[in-house]
Amino acid sequence: MIAVTDKGAYRSTNGGTSWTAPGQTFAGTGVVADPTVTGRFFAGAKDGVYETTDSGVNWIRISKGLPAKAVSSLTYDPASQRLVAGTYGNGMYRLSFVPTGVAGDRGIPEV
């Protein structure tokens, strides 16, 4: 389980009985899981979007192309492998995880 707060992402490995404090600090606004990949979560934050692939132990910011605006909503569609982030006053952005043949580009382009 992952829960985000303004102090970061807390994680639980026992159904919420106990929680591990965040190792990294970011002001989280929401979280969504990738149901097809164990341990993969995305977190909206006040400064963009973060991703973890190890159940919340480590997070990386994946907000290339996304202005430094607070993410107010976040959704992930595993069928299309797209993450969509809605921001406060700056539109919606999407990130596709479908390989395009361009190495190294994992930004969220403006729609």
Protein backbone atom coordinates (compact mmCIF):
# COMPACT_ATOMS: atom_id res chain seq x y z
CA MET A 1 0.00 0.00 0.00
CA ILE A 2 1.08 3.54 -0.75
CA ALA A 3 -0.36 6.72 0.76
CA VAL A 4 0.90 10.19 -0.14
CA THR A 5 0.85 13.26 2.07
CA ASP A 6 2.47 16.68 1.94
CA LYS A 7 5.55 15.03 3.49
CA GLY A 8 5.97 12.27 0.89
CA ALA A 9 4.86 8.71 0.20
CA TYR A 10 4.29 6.36 3.12
CA ARG A 11 4.19 2.62 2.45
CA SER A 12 2.77 -0.38 4.22
CA THR A 13 3.59 -4.02 3.65
CA ASN A 14 1.03 -5.37 6.13
CA GLY A 15 -2.29 -3.97 4.94
CA GLY A 16 -1.95 -0.66 6.77
CA THR A 17 -1.22 -1.95 10.27
CA SER A 18 2.10 -0.07 10.23
CA TRP A 19 3.63 2.44 7.84
CA THR A 20 7.19 3.26 6.79
CA ALA A 21 8.06 6.95 6.69
CA PRO A 22 9.07 8.43 3.34
CA GLY A 23 12.70 8.16 2.34
CA GLN A 24 12.25 11.08 -0.05
CA THR A 25 10.25 14.23 0.49
CA PHE A 26 7.71 15.52 -2.00
CA ALA A 27 4.30 17.06 -1.43
CA GLY A 28 2.02 14.31 -2.70
CA THR A 29 -1.49 15.00 -3.98
CA GLY A 30 -2.57 11.52 -5.11
CA VAL A 31 -1.37 8.07 -6.05
CA VAL A 32 -2.32 5.45 -8.64
CA ALA A 33 -1.04 1.89 -9.15
CA ASP A 34 -0.12 0.10 -12.36
CA PRO A 35 -2.16 -3.09 -11.95
CA THR A 36 -0.02 -4.95 -14.48
CA VAL A 37 3.37 -4.37 -12.83
CA THR A 38 3.94 -5.36 -9.20
CA GLY A 39 5.43 -2.52 -7.16
CA ARG A 40 4.85 0.21 -9.76
CA PHE A 41 3.02 3.33 -8.59
CA PHE A 42 2.71 6.91 -9.80
CA ALA A 43 2.27 9.86 -7.45
CA GLY A 44 0.97 13.30 -8.28
CA ALA A 45 2.69 16.04 -6.36
CA LYS A 46 2.79 19.79 -6.00
CA ASP A 47 5.78 19.85 -8.37
CA GLY A 48 4.82 17.19 -10.93
CA VAL A 49 4.67 13.40 -11.15
CA TYR A 50 6.82 10.71 -9.52
CA GLU A 51 7.21 7.00 -10.25
CA THR A 52 8.34 4.03 -8.16
CA THR A 53 9.00 0.51 -9.39
CA ASP A 54 10.00 -0.91 -6.00
CA SER A 55 6.77 -0.42 -4.03
CA GLY A 56 7.64 3.06 -2.84
CA VAL A 57 11.17 2.56 -1.56
CA ASN A 58 12.61 4.90 -4.21
CA TRP A 59 10.84 7.54 -6.31
CA ILE A 60 11.98 9.41 -9.43
CA ARG A 61 10.45 12.56 -10.85
CA ILE A 62 9.17 11.91 -14.39
CA SER A 63 7.77 15.35 -15.15
CA LYS A 64 9.77 16.42 -18.20
CA GLY A 65 7.55 18.82 -20.13
CA LEU A 66 5.14 19.31 -17.24
CA PRO A 67 5.25 22.81 -15.74
CA ALA A 68 6.02 23.03 -12.04
CA LYS A 69 2.33 23.05 -11.18
CA ALA A 70 0.47 20.99 -8.63
CA VAL A 71 -1.05 17.82 -10.04
CA SER A 72 -4.68 17.68 -8.94
CA SER A 73 -5.67 14.39 -10.57
CA LEU A 74 -3.87 11.36 -11.89
CA THR A 75 -4.97 8.28 -13.80
CA TYR A 76 -3.20 5.39 -15.50
CA ASP A 77 -4.60 3.18 -18.26
CA PRO A 78 -2.65 -0.08 -18.42
CA ALA A 79 -4.19 -1.08 -21.76
CA SER A 80 -2.77 1.97 -23.55
CA GLN A 81 0.13 2.42 -21.08
CA ARG A 82 -0.71 6.11 -20.63
CA LEU A 83 -0.56 8.26 -17.55
CA VAL A 84 -2.68 11.42 -17.53
CA ALA A 85 -2.09 14.23 -15.05
CA GLY A 86 -4.48 17.12 -14.49
CA THR A 87 -2.99 20.27 -12.99
CA TYR A 88 -4.29 23.24 -11.05
CA GLY A 89 -4.80 25.89 -13.72
CA ASN A 90 -2.38 24.59 -16.34
CA GLY A 91 -4.21 21.90 -18.30
CA MET A 92 -3.81 18.17 -18.66
CA TYR A 93 -0.69 16.29 -19.64
CA ARG A 94 -0.06 12.71 -20.66
CA LEU A 95 2.88 10.38 -20.67
CA SER A 96 2.97 7.31 -22.88
CA PHE A 97 5.03 4.32 -21.82
CA VAL A 98 4.69 2.68 -25.25
CA PRO A 99 8.18 2.43 -26.80
CA THR A 100 8.62 4.87 -29.67
CA GLY A 101 12.20 4.10 -30.66
CA VAL A 102 13.53 7.30 -29.10
CA ALA A 103 15.89 6.46 -26.26
CA GLY A 104 15.87 8.44 -23.06
CA ASP A 105 12.69 10.53 -23.53
CA ARG A 106 10.26 9.92 -20.62
CA GLY A 107 8.71 13.34 -20.39
CA ILE A 108 5.07 14.30 -20.12
CA PRO A 109 4.31 16.22 -23.32
CA GLU A 110 1.57 18.81 -23.41
CA VAL A 111 -1.65 17.61 -25.04
